[in-house]
Amino acid sequence: MSAVPRSNSPVIPFELRNATLALTALVLKTTDLELLARALEEQFGATPLFDHDPVVLDLAQVRDDPQAIDFAALAAMLRERRMLAIGVEGGSAEQTEAAAAAGLGQTSTFATVPRA
């Protein structure tokens, strides 16, 4: 039995492919995370609507809110409700930077609600 010749080229241990994801945009209308948590609890209660689905945070309606958003706390609160915050859009430069510091990307899903 003869040995199989080895290739001199290295094996690449990964591959990049294009993927299409169905995303839900969570349109924030407040920067008050306690209020948001209560509203989500009232809306969904113990019924898990989500199954660790990716969620984009649409910040257009809170863009000019002077209260800073604790994106790490917001992402943790959403994980408790089986939503995975993956990015933000429509926010101010400060909000986008704070989101990036918390590990969220900047997205462009065109899901942003037009401002009145």
Protein backbone atom coordinates (compact mmCIF):
# COMPACT_ATOMS: atom_id res chain seq x y z
CA MET A 1 0.00 0.00 0.00
CA SER A 2 1.52 3.33 -1.00
CA ALA A 3 1.34 6.48 1.08
CA VAL A 4 -0.89 9.33 -0.04
CA PRO A 5 1.31 12.24 -1.10
CA ARG A 6 0.98 15.34 1.03
CA SER A 7 0.35 18.69 -0.54
CA ASN A 8 2.85 21.44 0.14
CA SER A 9 0.10 24.04 0.38
CA PRO A 10 -1.31 24.71 3.86
CA VAL A 11 -4.90 23.87 4.67
CA ILE A 12 -6.99 26.98 5.33
CA PRO A 13 -9.03 26.29 8.50
CA PHE A 14 -11.92 28.58 7.64
CA GLU A 15 -14.04 29.89 4.80
CA LEU A 16 -15.91 33.17 4.40
CA ARG A 17 -19.27 33.10 2.67
CA ASN A 18 -22.01 35.63 2.13
CA ALA A 19 -25.05 35.00 4.31
CA THR A 20 -28.45 36.59 4.50
CA LEU A 21 -29.99 36.96 7.94
CA ALA A 22 -33.53 37.81 8.85
CA LEU A 23 -33.20 40.66 11.33
CA THR A 24 -35.65 42.30 13.64
CA ALA A 25 -35.18 45.98 14.40
CA LEU A 26 -36.00 46.99 17.95
CA VAL A 27 -36.97 50.65 17.64
CA LEU A 28 -36.07 52.33 20.92
CA LYS A 29 -38.38 55.15 21.99
CA THR A 30 -36.71 55.63 25.37
CA THR A 31 -33.22 55.47 26.83
CA ASP A 32 -34.69 54.44 30.21
CA LEU A 33 -33.73 50.76 30.42
CA GLU A 34 -35.98 50.10 33.44
CA LEU A 35 -38.98 51.42 31.54
CA LEU A 36 -37.98 49.37 28.50
CA ALA A 37 -37.58 46.20 30.59
CA ARG A 38 -41.03 46.67 32.15
CA ALA A 39 -42.62 47.29 28.75
CA LEU A 40 -41.00 44.16 27.27
CA GLU A 41 -42.14 42.13 30.27
CA GLU A 42 -45.69 43.45 29.93
CA GLN A 43 -45.72 42.78 26.19
CA PHE A 44 -44.18 39.31 26.17
CA GLY A 45 -44.25 38.09 29.78
CA ALA A 46 -42.98 34.57 30.24
CA THR A 47 -43.89 33.57 26.67
CA PRO A 48 -40.64 33.37 24.72
CA LEU A 49 -41.40 35.07 21.44
CA PHE A 50 -37.75 35.06 20.42
CA ASP A 51 -35.33 32.17 20.14
CA HIS A 52 -31.99 33.99 20.50
CA ASP A 53 -32.77 35.95 17.35
CA PRO A 54 -30.41 38.69 16.14
CA VAL A 55 -31.77 42.19 16.77
CA VAL A 56 -30.65 45.55 15.43
CA LEU A 57 -31.20 48.48 17.78
CA ASP A 58 -32.76 51.38 15.88
CA LEU A 59 -31.75 54.54 17.77
CA ALA A 60 -33.26 57.15 15.42
CA GLN A 61 -36.02 58.14 17.85
CA VAL A 62 -33.61 58.53 20.80
CA ARG A 63 -30.75 60.02 18.81
CA ASP A 64 -31.05 63.42 20.51
CA ASP A 65 -31.79 62.09 24.00
CA PRO A 66 -29.22 63.51 26.43
CA GLN A 67 -29.31 60.36 28.61
CA ALA A 68 -26.52 57.95 27.69
CA ILE A 69 -27.47 54.37 26.91
CA ASP A 70 -25.72 51.57 28.81
CA PHE A 71 -25.40 49.26 25.81
CA ALA A 72 -23.81 46.42 27.80
CA ALA A 73 -26.76 46.44 30.22
CA LEU A 74 -29.23 46.74 27.34
CA ALA A 75 -27.67 43.79 25.50
CA ALA A 76 -27.74 41.71 28.71
CA MET A 77 -31.40 42.60 29.31
CA LEU A 78 -32.28 41.59 25.76
CA ARG A 79 -30.37 38.29 26.10
CA GLU A 80 -32.57 37.50 29.12
CA ARG A 81 -35.50 37.86 26.71
CA ARG A 82 -33.82 35.66 24.11
CA MET A 83 -32.83 38.51 21.78
CA LEU A 84 -29.23 39.01 20.66
CA ALA A 85 -28.33 42.63 20.02
CA ILE A 86 -25.84 42.61 17.17
CA GLY A 87 -25.68 46.23 16.08
CA VAL A 88 -27.09 49.72 16.13
CA GLU A 89 -28.18 52.20 13.54
CA GLY A 90 -29.63 55.68 13.39
CA GLY A 91 -27.89 56.88 16.55
CA SER A 92 -25.66 59.83 17.24
CA ALA A 93 -21.89 59.53 16.93
CA GLU A 94 -21.64 59.23 20.72
CA GLN A 95 -24.25 56.45 20.83
CA THR A 96 -22.57 54.58 17.99
CA GLU A 97 -19.18 54.82 19.74
CA ALA A 98 -20.69 53.63 23.05
CA ALA A 99 -22.37 50.74 21.28
CA ALA A 100 -19.08 49.76 19.61
CA ALA A 101 -17.33 49.85 23.01
CA ALA A 102 -19.97 47.37 24.22
CA GLY A 103 -19.25 45.05 21.28
CA LEU A 104 -22.12 46.05 19.00
CA GLY A 105 -21.53 46.81 15.36
CA GLN A 106 -22.91 49.61 13.26
CA THR A 107 -25.48 48.29 10.81
CA SER A 108 -27.32 49.63 7.85
CA THR A 109 -30.49 47.61 7.44
CA PHE A 110 -32.61 50.51 6.20
CA ALA A 111 -35.06 49.57 8.94
CA THR A 112 -34.73 52.97 10.54
CA VAL A 113 -38.09 54.68 11.01
CA PRO A 114 -38.21 58.13 9.42
CA ARG A 115 -38.12 60.95 11.94
CA ALA A 116 -41.20 63.07 12.21
